[in-house]
Amino acid sequence: MSKDWSIEGRYVEYCSCDYGCPCEAMGQPTKEQCNGAVGFIIDKGHCNGVSLDGVKVVATFFFPRAIHHGGGQMQPILPSSLSDGQRDAVFYILSGEDQKIGTMFQIFSVIVETLHNPIMADLDFDIDVHARTAHINVPDSLRATSEPIRNPVTDTEHRILTVLPDGWVFHEAENVSGKTKSISDIKFDLNGTHSSMAYVAWGPDGLTYDLEESRQKFPLAS
């Protein structure tokens, strides 16, 4: 039986592509394969009456080619402090079950073929979309940081905005510079590669708002 759920919050991703990851526009990854990490912080959310406010979710991933070719691996990382109800709700949402075809979690349920055992740990994780900074620290598993891209000549902050009116993960995202290392089941060590962050709102039918509604509800820094 389908469950009623919704999420609003902040999202960050790290991958092995150069800045401006072409995969977000259905292109080929700049280094043939694609690996990295994603995470989101639920500022406001629920699932069948279970509050998800403040819940943080992270996952590492690997794809041997562009993600739409499938064959991917993923390992979820969740806070050990979650209640049983919150943990079950998060796994239900991540599974893509009962969700519209073409929405984010439903797509990942198809393209991820190997799901590694989840890691339950203390997460030091925060995202500041307006400052274009983020960090993730999972002891003995994952460390990641994001910061603004800097002009190589003047060292001033350089802003790149991705706009995807028909996006399936987000509509607008700040492109930043990422550094991330994973020593869990999916291993990688990336420095000065693509990272992006966005405000997101998801439900069983995908993104809750269209581009203009998203801009009004979650305005990015000018």
N, C-alpha and C. Protein backbone atom coordinates (compact mmCIF):
# COMPACT_ATOMS: atom_id res chain seq x y z
N MET A 1 0.84 -1.20 0.00
CA MET A 1 0.00 0.00 0.00
C MET A 1 0.88 1.25 0.00
N SER A 2 0.59 2.18 -0.89
CA SER A 2 1.40 3.39 -0.99
C SER A 2 1.27 4.25 0.26
N LYS A 3 2.33 4.99 0.55
CA LYS A 3 2.36 5.85 1.73
C LYS A 3 2.42 7.31 1.30
N ASP A 4 1.82 8.15 2.12
CA ASP A 4 1.84 9.59 1.87
C ASP A 4 3.13 10.17 2.45
N TRP A 5 3.92 10.83 1.61
CA TRP A 5 5.16 11.42 2.10
C TRP A 5 5.54 12.66 1.30
N SER A 6 6.32 13.53 1.92
CA SER A 6 6.87 14.69 1.23
C SER A 6 8.14 15.13 1.95
N ILE A 7 9.04 15.74 1.19
CA ILE A 7 10.33 16.19 1.69
C ILE A 7 10.63 17.57 1.15
N GLU A 8 11.08 18.48 1.99
CA GLU A 8 11.66 19.74 1.55
C GLU A 8 12.98 19.91 2.29
N GLY A 9 14.02 20.31 1.56
CA GLY A 9 15.30 20.47 2.23
C GLY A 9 16.41 20.89 1.31
N ARG A 10 17.64 20.53 1.71
CA ARG A 10 18.84 20.93 0.99
C ARG A 10 19.58 19.69 0.50
N TYR A 11 20.12 19.80 -0.70
CA TYR A 11 20.73 18.65 -1.40
C TYR A 11 22.14 19.01 -1.84
N VAL A 12 23.06 18.04 -1.76
CA VAL A 12 24.42 18.23 -2.27
C VAL A 12 24.87 16.95 -2.96
N GLU A 13 25.66 17.11 -4.00
CA GLU A 13 26.22 15.95 -4.67
C GLU A 13 27.69 16.19 -4.99
N TYR A 14 28.43 15.11 -5.06
CA TYR A 14 29.85 15.12 -5.41
C TYR A 14 30.06 14.03 -6.46
N CYS A 15 30.81 14.34 -7.50
CA CYS A 15 31.11 13.28 -8.46
C CYS A 15 32.48 13.49 -9.08
N SER A 16 32.90 12.51 -9.86
CA SER A 16 34.23 12.51 -10.45
C SER A 16 34.32 13.35 -11.72
N CYS A 17 33.21 13.96 -12.15
CA CYS A 17 33.23 14.79 -13.35
C CYS A 17 33.90 16.13 -13.09
N ASP A 18 34.30 16.81 -14.19
CA ASP A 18 34.77 18.18 -14.10
C ASP A 18 33.59 19.08 -13.70
N TYR A 19 33.89 20.34 -13.37
CA TYR A 19 32.83 21.27 -13.02
C TYR A 19 31.77 21.31 -14.12
N GLY A 20 30.51 21.42 -13.70
CA GLY A 20 29.41 21.44 -14.67
C GLY A 20 29.10 20.06 -15.20
N CYS A 21 29.04 19.08 -14.31
CA CYS A 21 28.82 17.66 -14.65
C CYS A 21 27.87 17.47 -15.83
N PRO A 22 28.35 16.90 -16.96
CA PRO A 22 27.47 16.71 -18.12
C PRO A 22 26.37 15.68 -17.89
N CYS A 23 26.53 14.82 -16.88
CA CYS A 23 25.51 13.79 -16.62
C CYS A 23 24.16 14.43 -16.27
N GLU A 24 24.21 15.63 -15.68
CA GLU A 24 22.96 16.29 -15.28
C GLU A 24 22.12 16.68 -16.51
N ALA A 25 22.77 16.76 -17.68
CA ALA A 25 22.05 17.05 -18.92
C ALA A 25 22.06 15.83 -19.83
N MET A 26 22.16 14.64 -19.23
CA MET A 26 22.14 13.36 -19.93
C MET A 26 23.33 13.17 -20.88
N GLY A 27 24.46 13.84 -20.56
CA GLY A 27 25.68 13.66 -21.34
C GLY A 27 26.53 12.54 -20.78
N GLN A 28 27.72 12.38 -21.34
CA GLN A 28 28.65 11.35 -20.89
C GLN A 28 29.55 11.91 -19.79
N PRO A 29 29.86 11.12 -18.78
CA PRO A 29 30.75 11.60 -17.72
C PRO A 29 32.13 11.93 -18.29
N THR A 30 32.77 12.93 -17.71
CA THR A 30 34.04 13.40 -18.27
C THR A 30 35.18 12.40 -18.08
N LYS A 31 35.03 11.45 -17.17
CA LYS A 31 36.08 10.46 -16.94
C LYS A 31 35.55 9.05 -17.19
N GLU A 32 34.60 8.91 -18.11
CA GLU A 32 34.02 7.63 -18.54
C GLU A 32 33.15 6.99 -17.48
N GLN A 33 33.67 6.78 -16.29
CA GLN A 33 32.85 6.24 -15.22
C GLN A 33 32.41 7.37 -14.31
N CYS A 34 31.51 7.07 -13.37
CA CYS A 34 30.98 8.10 -12.48
C CYS A 34 30.92 7.55 -11.06
N ASN A 35 31.60 8.23 -10.15
CA ASN A 35 31.48 7.83 -8.75
C ASN A 35 31.49 9.05 -7.87
N GLY A 36 31.02 8.89 -6.65
CA GLY A 36 30.94 10.02 -5.75
C GLY A 36 29.93 9.79 -4.63
N ALA A 37 29.34 10.88 -4.17
CA ALA A 37 28.41 10.82 -3.04
C ALA A 37 27.30 11.84 -3.22
N VAL A 38 26.16 11.54 -2.64
CA VAL A 38 25.03 12.47 -2.60
C VAL A 38 24.52 12.52 -1.16
N GLY A 39 23.85 13.62 -0.84
CA GLY A 39 23.26 13.72 0.48
C GLY A 39 22.19 14.79 0.51
N PHE A 40 21.24 14.64 1.41
CA PHE A 40 20.23 15.68 1.59
C PHE A 40 19.83 15.76 3.06
N ILE A 41 19.49 16.98 3.44
CA ILE A 41 19.02 17.27 4.79
C ILE A 41 17.55 17.65 4.70
N ILE A 42 16.71 16.93 5.38
CA ILE A 42 15.27 17.18 5.34
C ILE A 42 14.94 18.26 6.38
N ASP A 43 14.66 19.46 5.90
CA ASP A 43 14.27 20.53 6.82
C ASP A 43 12.81 20.37 7.25
N LYS A 44 11.99 19.84 6.35
CA LYS A 44 10.58 19.61 6.65
C LYS A 44 10.12 18.39 5.88
N GLY A 45 9.59 17.39 6.58
CA GLY A 45 9.16 16.19 5.87
C GLY A 45 8.39 15.24 6.76
N HIS A 46 7.65 14.35 6.11
CA HIS A 46 6.90 13.33 6.84
C HIS A 46 6.66 12.13 5.93
N CYS A 47 6.32 11.02 6.53
CA CYS A 47 5.91 9.83 5.80
C CYS A 47 4.88 9.09 6.65
N ASN A 48 3.64 9.09 6.18
CA ASN A 48 2.55 8.42 6.90
C ASN A 48 2.52 8.78 8.39
N GLY A 49 2.62 10.09 8.66
CA GLY A 49 2.52 10.55 10.03
C GLY A 49 3.82 10.54 10.81
N VAL A 50 4.87 9.97 10.25
CA VAL A 50 6.18 9.96 10.91
C VAL A 50 6.95 11.21 10.50
N SER A 51 7.35 12.02 11.46
CA SER A 51 8.10 13.24 11.15
C SER A 51 9.51 12.88 10.69
N LEU A 52 9.93 13.54 9.60
CA LEU A 52 11.29 13.38 9.10
C LEU A 52 12.07 14.69 9.21
N ASP A 53 11.54 15.65 9.95
CA ASP A 53 12.23 16.93 10.13
C ASP A 53 13.62 16.70 10.72
N GLY A 54 14.62 17.27 10.07
CA GLY A 54 15.98 17.18 10.56
C GLY A 54 16.74 15.93 10.19
N VAL A 55 16.09 14.99 9.51
CA VAL A 55 16.76 13.74 9.11
C VAL A 55 17.79 14.03 8.01
N LYS A 56 18.96 13.40 8.13
CA LYS A 56 20.03 13.55 7.16
C LYS A 56 20.31 12.20 6.49
N VAL A 57 20.45 12.23 5.16
CA VAL A 57 20.65 11.01 4.38
C VAL A 57 21.84 11.20 3.45
N VAL A 58 22.74 10.22 3.42
CA VAL A 58 23.91 10.26 2.56
C VAL A 58 24.02 8.92 1.84
N ALA A 59 24.63 8.91 0.66
CA ALA A 59 24.90 7.66 -0.04
C ALA A 59 26.12 7.84 -0.93
N THR A 60 26.94 6.81 -1.03
CA THR A 60 28.02 6.79 -2.02
C THR A 60 27.56 5.96 -3.21
N PHE A 61 28.16 6.22 -4.38
CA PHE A 61 27.70 5.52 -5.59
C PHE A 61 28.85 5.30 -6.57
N PHE A 62 28.65 4.35 -7.47
CA PHE A 62 29.57 4.08 -8.57
C PHE A 62 28.77 3.59 -9.78
N PHE A 63 29.06 4.17 -10.94
CA PHE A 63 28.49 3.72 -12.20
C PHE A 63 29.62 3.53 -13.21
N PRO A 64 29.68 2.39 -13.89
CA PRO A 64 30.78 2.14 -14.82
C PRO A 64 30.74 2.99 -16.07
N ARG A 65 29.57 3.54 -16.40
CA ARG A 65 29.42 4.44 -17.55
C ARG A 65 28.46 5.55 -17.13
N ALA A 66 27.88 6.23 -18.09
CA ALA A 66 26.86 7.23 -17.77
C ALA A 66 25.75 6.55 -16.97
N ILE A 67 25.17 7.28 -16.02
CA ILE A 67 24.24 6.64 -15.09
C ILE A 67 23.03 6.04 -15.78
N HIS A 68 22.62 6.61 -16.95
CA HIS A 68 21.42 6.06 -17.59
C HIS A 68 21.66 4.68 -18.20
N HIS A 69 22.93 4.24 -18.26
CA HIS A 69 23.23 2.88 -18.74
C HIS A 69 23.05 1.85 -17.62
N GLY A 70 22.90 2.31 -16.39
CA GLY A 70 22.67 1.39 -15.28
C GLY A 70 23.95 0.71 -14.81
N GLY A 71 23.77 -0.44 -14.16
CA GLY A 71 24.90 -1.19 -13.63
C GLY A 71 25.53 -0.55 -12.41
N GLY A 72 24.78 0.30 -11.70
CA GLY A 72 25.35 1.07 -10.61
C GLY A 72 25.41 0.35 -9.29
N GLN A 73 26.22 0.90 -8.41
CA GLN A 73 26.31 0.46 -7.03
C GLN A 73 26.00 1.65 -6.12
N MET A 74 25.42 1.37 -4.97
CA MET A 74 25.13 2.43 -4.02
C MET A 74 25.20 1.89 -2.59
N GLN A 75 25.63 2.75 -1.68
CA GLN A 75 25.66 2.38 -0.26
C GLN A 75 25.06 3.51 0.57
N PRO A 76 23.88 3.31 1.15
CA PRO A 76 23.26 4.34 1.99
C PRO A 76 24.02 4.51 3.31
N ILE A 77 24.04 5.76 3.80
CA ILE A 77 24.61 6.07 5.11
C ILE A 77 23.58 6.90 5.86
N LEU A 78 23.10 6.39 6.99
CA LEU A 78 22.03 7.03 7.73
C LEU A 78 22.45 7.27 9.18
N PRO A 79 21.84 8.26 9.83
CA PRO A 79 22.17 8.52 11.23
C PRO A 79 21.76 7.35 12.13
N SER A 80 22.64 6.99 13.04
CA SER A 80 22.32 5.91 13.97
C SER A 80 21.24 6.33 14.96
N SER A 81 20.96 7.64 15.03
CA SER A 81 19.97 8.15 15.98
C SER A 81 18.53 8.03 15.49
N LEU A 82 18.31 7.59 14.25
CA LEU A 82 16.95 7.50 13.72
C LEU A 82 16.11 6.52 14.52
N SER A 83 14.84 6.84 14.69
CA SER A 83 13.92 5.88 15.29
C SER A 83 13.61 4.79 14.27
N ASP A 84 13.02 3.70 14.74
CA ASP A 84 12.65 2.61 13.82
C ASP A 84 11.70 3.12 12.75
N GLY A 85 10.74 3.97 13.15
CA GLY A 85 9.78 4.50 12.19
C GLY A 85 10.44 5.39 11.16
N GLN A 86 11.37 6.23 11.59
CA GLN A 86 12.07 7.09 10.64
C GLN A 86 12.94 6.28 9.69
N ARG A 87 13.63 5.30 10.21
CA ARG A 87 14.48 4.46 9.36
C ARG A 87 13.65 3.73 8.31
N ASP A 88 12.51 3.16 8.72
CA ASP A 88 11.65 2.47 7.77
C ASP A 88 11.11 3.43 6.72
N ALA A 89 10.77 4.66 7.15
CA ALA A 89 10.24 5.65 6.21
C ALA A 89 11.31 6.05 5.19
N VAL A 90 12.54 6.27 5.65
CA VAL A 90 13.61 6.65 4.73
C VAL A 90 13.89 5.54 3.73
N PHE A 91 13.96 4.30 4.20
CA PHE A 91 14.21 3.19 3.27
C PHE A 91 13.06 3.03 2.27
N TYR A 92 11.84 3.27 2.72
CA TYR A 92 10.70 3.21 1.80
C TYR A 92 10.84 4.26 0.71
N ILE A 93 11.19 5.48 1.08
CA ILE A 93 11.34 6.55 0.09
C ILE A 93 12.50 6.25 -0.85
N LEU A 94 13.64 5.84 -0.31
CA LEU A 94 14.81 5.55 -1.14
C LEU A 94 14.56 4.39 -2.11
N SER A 95 13.66 3.49 -1.76
CA SER A 95 13.41 2.32 -2.60
C SER A 95 12.73 2.66 -3.92
N GLY A 96 12.08 3.83 -3.99
CA GLY A 96 11.34 4.19 -5.20
C GLY A 96 10.00 3.50 -5.31
N GLU A 97 9.63 2.71 -4.32
CA GLU A 97 8.37 1.95 -4.36
C GLU A 97 7.17 2.90 -4.40
N ASP A 98 6.20 2.56 -5.23
CA ASP A 98 4.95 3.31 -5.36
C ASP A 98 5.17 4.73 -5.89
N GLN A 99 6.30 4.99 -6.53
CA GLN A 99 6.59 6.33 -7.04
C GLN A 99 6.46 6.38 -8.55
N LYS A 100 6.13 7.53 -9.05
CA LYS A 100 5.89 7.74 -10.47
C LYS A 100 7.14 7.42 -11.28
N ILE A 101 6.95 6.75 -12.43
CA ILE A 101 8.08 6.44 -13.31
C ILE A 101 8.73 7.74 -13.79
N GLY A 102 10.06 7.78 -13.73
CA GLY A 102 10.79 8.96 -14.16
C GLY A 102 11.13 9.92 -13.04
N THR A 103 10.74 9.57 -11.79
CA THR A 103 11.11 10.40 -10.65
C THR A 103 12.43 9.88 -10.06
N MET A 104 13.07 10.70 -9.23
CA MET A 104 14.45 10.42 -8.85
C MET A 104 14.65 9.05 -8.21
N PHE A 105 13.93 8.77 -7.14
CA PHE A 105 14.18 7.51 -6.45
C PHE A 105 13.72 6.31 -7.27
N GLN A 106 12.68 6.49 -8.09
CA GLN A 106 12.26 5.40 -8.97
C GLN A 106 13.34 5.11 -10.01
N ILE A 107 13.95 6.15 -10.55
CA ILE A 107 15.03 5.97 -11.53
C ILE A 107 16.20 5.23 -10.89
N PHE A 108 16.59 5.67 -9.70
CA PHE A 108 17.72 5.01 -9.04
C PHE A 108 17.40 3.55 -8.69
N SER A 109 16.14 3.23 -8.45
CA SER A 109 15.79 1.84 -8.16
C SER A 109 16.03 0.95 -9.37
N VAL A 110 16.04 1.54 -10.56
CA VAL A 110 16.26 0.80 -11.81
C VAL A 110 17.74 0.75 -12.18
N ILE A 111 18.46 1.86 -12.04
CA ILE A 111 19.84 1.93 -12.51
C ILE A 111 20.85 1.41 -11.49
N VAL A 112 20.45 1.27 -10.23
CA VAL A 112 21.34 0.70 -9.22
C VAL A 112 21.08 -0.80 -9.14
N GLU A 113 22.10 -1.59 -9.47
CA GLU A 113 21.95 -3.05 -9.46
C GLU A 113 22.53 -3.69 -8.20
N THR A 114 23.48 -3.01 -7.56
CA THR A 114 24.09 -3.55 -6.34
C THR A 114 23.90 -2.55 -5.22
N LEU A 115 23.16 -2.95 -4.21
CA LEU A 115 22.92 -2.10 -3.05
C LEU A 115 23.70 -2.67 -1.87
N HIS A 116 24.74 -1.97 -1.45
CA HIS A 116 25.56 -2.44 -0.34
C HIS A 116 24.82 -2.22 0.99
N ASN A 117 25.22 -2.99 1.98
CA ASN A 117 24.59 -2.87 3.29
C ASN A 117 24.71 -1.44 3.80
N PRO A 118 23.64 -0.90 4.36
CA PRO A 118 23.68 0.49 4.84
C PRO A 118 24.62 0.65 6.02
N ILE A 119 25.18 1.84 6.13
CA ILE A 119 26.01 2.21 7.26
C ILE A 119 25.17 3.09 8.19
N MET A 120 25.08 2.71 9.45
CA MET A 120 24.40 3.51 10.46
C MET A 120 25.48 4.14 11.33
N ALA A 121 25.54 5.49 11.31
CA ALA A 121 26.67 6.15 11.97
C ALA A 121 26.27 7.54 12.44
N ASP A 122 27.16 8.17 13.17
CA ASP A 122 27.01 9.58 13.53
C ASP A 122 27.39 10.42 12.31
N LEU A 123 26.49 11.27 11.85
CA LEU A 123 26.75 12.10 10.67
C LEU A 123 27.01 13.54 11.09
N ASP A 124 28.17 14.06 10.74
CA ASP A 124 28.45 15.49 10.84
C ASP A 124 28.24 16.04 9.43
N PHE A 125 27.11 16.68 9.18
CA PHE A 125 26.68 16.99 7.82
C PHE A 125 25.89 18.29 7.83
N ASP A 126 26.32 19.25 7.00
CA ASP A 126 25.57 20.49 6.88
C ASP A 126 25.77 21.06 5.48
N ILE A 127 24.79 21.84 5.03
CA ILE A 127 24.80 22.48 3.72
C ILE A 127 24.34 23.92 3.89
N ASP A 128 25.11 24.86 3.34
CA ASP A 128 24.70 26.26 3.28
C ASP A 128 24.66 26.64 1.81
N VAL A 129 23.47 26.58 1.21
CA VAL A 129 23.34 26.80 -0.23
C VAL A 129 23.75 28.22 -0.60
N HIS A 130 23.37 29.19 0.21
CA HIS A 130 23.68 30.58 -0.12
C HIS A 130 25.17 30.89 -0.04
N ALA A 131 25.85 30.28 0.91
CA ALA A 131 27.31 30.46 1.01
C ALA A 131 28.06 29.55 0.06
N ARG A 132 27.35 28.58 -0.50
CA ARG A 132 27.93 27.58 -1.41
C ARG A 132 29.01 26.75 -0.71
N THR A 133 28.69 26.32 0.50
CA THR A 133 29.59 25.46 1.26
C THR A 133 28.81 24.28 1.83
N ALA A 134 29.52 23.19 2.03
CA ALA A 134 28.92 22.00 2.63
C ALA A 134 30.03 21.12 3.17
N HIS A 135 29.67 20.26 4.11
CA HIS A 135 30.63 19.26 4.58
C HIS A 135 29.88 18.02 5.05
N ILE A 136 30.51 16.89 4.86
CA ILE A 136 30.01 15.60 5.36
C ILE A 136 31.19 14.89 6.02
N ASN A 137 30.98 14.41 7.22
CA ASN A 137 32.00 13.63 7.90
C ASN A 137 31.35 12.42 8.55
N VAL A 138 31.69 11.24 8.03
CA VAL A 138 31.21 9.99 8.60
C VAL A 138 32.44 9.21 9.06
N PRO A 139 32.63 9.03 10.35
CA PRO A 139 33.86 8.38 10.83
C PRO A 139 34.11 7.04 10.15
N ASP A 140 35.34 6.86 9.70
CA ASP A 140 35.80 5.61 9.09
C ASP A 140 35.08 5.26 7.79
N SER A 141 34.41 6.24 7.18
CA SER A 141 33.66 5.94 5.95
C SER A 141 33.81 7.01 4.88
N LEU A 142 33.48 8.26 5.20
CA LEU A 142 33.37 9.28 4.17
C LEU A 142 33.70 10.66 4.74
N ARG A 143 34.43 11.45 3.94
CA ARG A 143 34.66 12.85 4.26
C ARG A 143 34.51 13.65 2.97
N ALA A 144 33.74 14.74 3.02
CA ALA A 144 33.52 15.55 1.83
C ALA A 144 33.35 17.01 2.21
N THR A 145 33.83 17.90 1.34
CA THR A 145 33.63 19.33 1.54
C THR A 145 33.33 19.99 0.20
N SER A 146 32.56 21.07 0.25
CA SER A 146 32.25 21.88 -0.93
C SER A 146 32.60 23.32 -0.62
N GLU A 147 33.08 24.04 -1.64
CA GLU A 147 33.38 25.44 -1.50
C GLU A 147 33.20 26.11 -2.86
N PRO A 148 33.05 27.44 -2.90
CA PRO A 148 32.86 28.10 -4.19
C PRO A 148 34.04 27.85 -5.14
N ILE A 149 33.74 27.76 -6.42
CA ILE A 149 34.78 27.71 -7.45
C ILE A 149 35.47 29.07 -7.49
N ARG A 150 36.79 29.08 -7.61
CA ARG A 150 37.53 30.34 -7.61
C ARG A 150 38.20 30.60 -8.96
N ASN A 151 38.21 31.85 -9.35
CA ASN A 151 38.88 32.26 -10.58
C ASN A 151 40.37 31.93 -10.44
N PRO A 152 40.97 31.21 -11.41
CA PRO A 152 42.36 30.79 -11.27
C PRO A 152 43.35 31.95 -11.32
N VAL A 153 42.94 33.11 -11.81
CA VAL A 153 43.83 34.27 -11.91
C VAL A 153 43.66 35.21 -10.72
N THR A 154 42.41 35.56 -10.41
CA THR A 154 42.15 36.55 -9.37
C THR A 154 41.83 35.94 -8.01
N ASP A 155 41.52 34.64 -7.97
CA ASP A 155 41.14 33.91 -6.76
C ASP A 155 39.80 34.37 -6.19
N THR A 156 39.04 35.14 -6.95
CA THR A 156 37.71 35.54 -6.50
C THR A 156 36.72 34.41 -6.75
N GLU A 157 35.64 34.41 -5.96
CA GLU A 157 34.62 33.37 -6.12
C GLU A 157 33.94 33.50 -7.47
N HIS A 158 33.72 32.36 -8.11
CA HIS A 158 33.12 32.32 -9.44
C HIS A 158 31.83 31.53 -9.35
N ARG A 159 30.73 32.10 -9.80
CA ARG A 159 29.43 31.46 -9.67
C ARG A 159 28.96 30.84 -10.98
N ILE A 160 28.56 29.58 -10.92
CA ILE A 160 27.98 28.87 -12.06
C ILE A 160 26.65 28.28 -11.59
N LEU A 161 25.59 28.60 -12.28
CA LEU A 161 24.25 28.13 -11.91
C LEU A 161 23.72 27.19 -12.98
N THR A 162 23.30 26.00 -12.58
CA THR A 162 22.65 25.06 -13.49
C THR A 162 21.15 25.22 -13.37
N VAL A 163 20.47 25.41 -14.50
CA VAL A 163 19.02 25.55 -14.53
C VAL A 163 18.44 24.43 -15.39
N LEU A 164 17.58 23.62 -14.79
CA LEU A 164 16.97 22.48 -15.48
C LEU A 164 15.45 22.54 -15.28
N PRO A 165 14.73 23.25 -16.17
CA PRO A 165 13.28 23.37 -16.00
C PRO A 165 12.57 22.03 -15.91
N ASP A 166 13.10 21.01 -16.62
CA ASP A 166 12.49 19.68 -16.60
C ASP A 166 13.35 18.70 -15.81
N GLY A 167 14.11 19.21 -14.85
CA GLY A 167 14.99 18.36 -14.08
C GLY A 167 14.24 17.31 -13.26
N TRP A 168 14.93 16.24 -12.92
CA TRP A 168 14.31 15.16 -12.14
C TRP A 168 14.90 15.08 -10.73
N VAL A 169 16.03 15.80 -10.48
CA VAL A 169 16.60 15.89 -9.14
C VAL A 169 16.34 17.26 -8.55
N PHE A 170 16.60 18.32 -9.34
CA PHE A 170 16.38 19.69 -8.91
C PHE A 170 16.10 20.55 -10.14
N HIS A 171 15.64 21.77 -9.91
CA HIS A 171 15.44 22.71 -11.01
C HIS A 171 16.60 23.68 -11.16
N GLU A 172 17.18 24.10 -10.04
CA GLU A 172 18.31 25.01 -10.06
C GLU A 172 19.33 24.55 -9.04
N ALA A 173 20.62 24.66 -9.42
CA ALA A 173 21.66 24.24 -8.49
C ALA A 173 22.88 25.14 -8.63
N GLU A 174 23.52 25.40 -7.50
CA GLU A 174 24.79 26.10 -7.48
C GLU A 174 25.90 25.08 -7.75
N ASN A 175 26.76 25.38 -8.74
CA ASN A 175 27.92 24.52 -9.02
C ASN A 175 29.09 24.99 -8.18
N VAL A 176 29.73 24.07 -7.48
CA VAL A 176 30.83 24.40 -6.59
C VAL A 176 31.96 23.39 -6.77
N SER A 177 33.02 23.59 -6.02
CA SER A 177 34.18 22.69 -6.08
C SER A 177 34.13 21.70 -4.94
N GLY A 178 34.29 20.43 -5.25
CA GLY A 178 34.17 19.40 -4.24
C GLY A 178 35.46 18.64 -3.98
N LYS A 179 35.57 18.17 -2.77
CA LYS A 179 36.67 17.28 -2.37
C LYS A 179 36.06 16.19 -1.51
N THR A 180 36.25 14.94 -1.90
CA THR A 180 35.60 13.87 -1.15
C THR A 180 36.40 12.58 -1.23
N LYS A 181 36.40 11.85 -0.13
CA LYS A 181 37.11 10.58 -0.06
C LYS A 181 36.25 9.57 0.67
N SER A 182 36.12 8.38 0.08
CA SER A 182 35.35 7.30 0.69
C SER A 182 36.25 6.09 0.88
N ILE A 183 36.18 5.49 2.08
CA ILE A 183 36.96 4.28 2.35
C ILE A 183 36.05 3.14 2.77
N SER A 184 34.75 3.26 2.46
CA SER A 184 33.81 2.17 2.79
C SER A 184 33.76 1.20 1.61
N ASP A 185 32.64 0.56 1.36
CA ASP A 185 32.57 -0.45 0.29
C ASP A 185 32.84 0.14 -1.08
N ILE A 186 32.39 1.37 -1.32
CA ILE A 186 32.64 2.06 -2.58
C ILE A 186 33.72 3.10 -2.32
N LYS A 187 34.90 2.88 -2.89
CA LYS A 187 36.07 3.69 -2.58
C LYS A 187 36.39 4.67 -3.69
N PHE A 188 36.76 5.91 -3.32
CA PHE A 188 37.22 6.91 -4.27
C PHE A 188 37.91 8.02 -3.51
N ASP A 189 38.68 8.82 -4.24
CA ASP A 189 39.40 9.95 -3.65
C ASP A 189 39.39 11.05 -4.71
N LEU A 190 38.57 12.09 -4.51
CA LEU A 190 38.36 13.13 -5.51
C LEU A 190 38.73 14.48 -4.93
N ASN A 191 39.33 15.34 -5.77
CA ASN A 191 39.75 16.66 -5.30
C ASN A 191 39.60 17.66 -6.44
N GLY A 192 38.86 18.73 -6.21
CA GLY A 192 38.66 19.74 -7.23
C GLY A 192 37.78 19.28 -8.37
N THR A 193 36.79 18.44 -8.04
CA THR A 193 35.85 17.94 -9.05
C THR A 193 34.47 18.53 -8.80
N HIS A 194 33.52 18.11 -9.61
CA HIS A 194 32.18 18.70 -9.57
C HIS A 194 31.47 18.44 -8.25
N SER A 195 30.83 19.48 -7.77
CA SER A 195 29.88 19.38 -6.67
C SER A 195 28.77 20.37 -6.97
N SER A 196 27.58 20.08 -6.55
CA SER A 196 26.50 21.04 -6.70
C SER A 196 25.56 20.92 -5.52
N MET A 197 24.83 22.00 -5.26
CA MET A 197 23.90 22.00 -4.14
C MET A 197 22.64 22.76 -4.53
N ALA A 198 21.53 22.36 -3.94
CA ALA A 198 20.25 22.93 -4.34
C ALA A 198 19.25 22.78 -3.21
N TYR A 199 18.20 23.59 -3.28
CA TYR A 199 17.01 23.37 -2.48
C TYR A 199 16.12 22.41 -3.26
N VAL A 200 15.53 21.45 -2.57
CA VAL A 200 14.71 20.44 -3.23
C VAL A 200 13.39 20.25 -2.49
N ALA A 201 12.40 19.79 -3.21
CA ALA A 201 11.12 19.40 -2.63
C ALA A 201 10.60 18.23 -3.44
N TRP A 202 10.51 17.06 -2.81
CA TRP A 202 10.14 15.83 -3.50
C TRP A 202 8.91 15.19 -2.86
N GLY A 203 8.20 14.41 -3.67
CA GLY A 203 7.09 13.60 -3.23
C GLY A 203 6.98 12.39 -4.13
N PRO A 204 5.95 11.55 -3.96
CA PRO A 204 5.82 10.35 -4.78
C PRO A 204 5.74 10.62 -6.28
N ASP A 205 5.33 11.85 -6.66
CA ASP A 205 5.24 12.20 -8.08
C ASP A 205 6.44 12.99 -8.56
N GLY A 206 7.51 13.04 -7.75
CA GLY A 206 8.72 13.73 -8.16
C GLY A 206 8.86 15.10 -7.53
N LEU A 207 9.48 16.02 -8.28
CA LEU A 207 9.65 17.38 -7.78
C LEU A 207 8.28 18.01 -7.51
N THR A 208 8.14 18.59 -6.34
CA THR A 208 6.84 19.11 -5.92
C THR A 208 6.47 20.39 -6.65
N TYR A 209 7.48 21.22 -6.96
CA TYR A 209 7.23 22.52 -7.59
C TYR A 209 7.86 22.57 -8.97
N ASP A 210 7.29 23.40 -9.85
CA ASP A 210 7.95 23.66 -11.13
C ASP A 210 9.03 24.71 -10.91
N LEU A 211 9.72 25.09 -12.00
CA LEU A 211 10.86 26.00 -11.87
C LEU A 211 10.48 27.32 -11.23
N GLU A 212 9.42 27.96 -11.70
CA GLU A 212 9.05 29.28 -11.17
C GLU A 212 8.59 29.19 -9.72
N GLU A 213 7.84 28.15 -9.38
CA GLU A 213 7.40 27.98 -8.00
C GLU A 213 8.60 27.73 -7.08
N SER A 214 9.57 26.95 -7.59
CA SER A 214 10.76 26.67 -6.81
C SER A 214 11.56 27.94 -6.56
N ARG A 215 11.66 28.80 -7.59
CA ARG A 215 12.39 30.05 -7.43
C ARG A 215 11.73 30.96 -6.39
N GLN A 216 10.42 30.94 -6.34
CA GLN A 216 9.72 31.78 -5.38
C GLN A 216 9.88 31.23 -3.95
N LYS A 217 9.82 29.92 -3.83
CA LYS A 217 9.89 29.32 -2.48
C LYS A 217 11.32 29.22 -1.97
N PHE A 218 12.26 28.95 -2.89
CA PHE A 218 13.66 28.75 -2.48
C PHE A 218 14.58 29.65 -3.31
N PRO A 219 14.50 30.97 -3.14
CA PRO A 219 15.35 31.85 -3.96
C PRO A 219 16.83 31.66 -3.63
N LEU A 220 17.64 31.53 -4.68
CA LEU A 220 19.07 31.41 -4.50
C LEU A 220 19.69 32.80 -4.39
N ALA A 221 20.88 32.86 -3.83
CA ALA A 221 21.56 34.14 -3.69
C ALA A 221 21.86 34.73 -5.07
N SER A 222 21.68 36.04 -5.22
CA SER A 222 21.96 36.69 -6.50
C SER A 222 23.44 37.04 -6.60
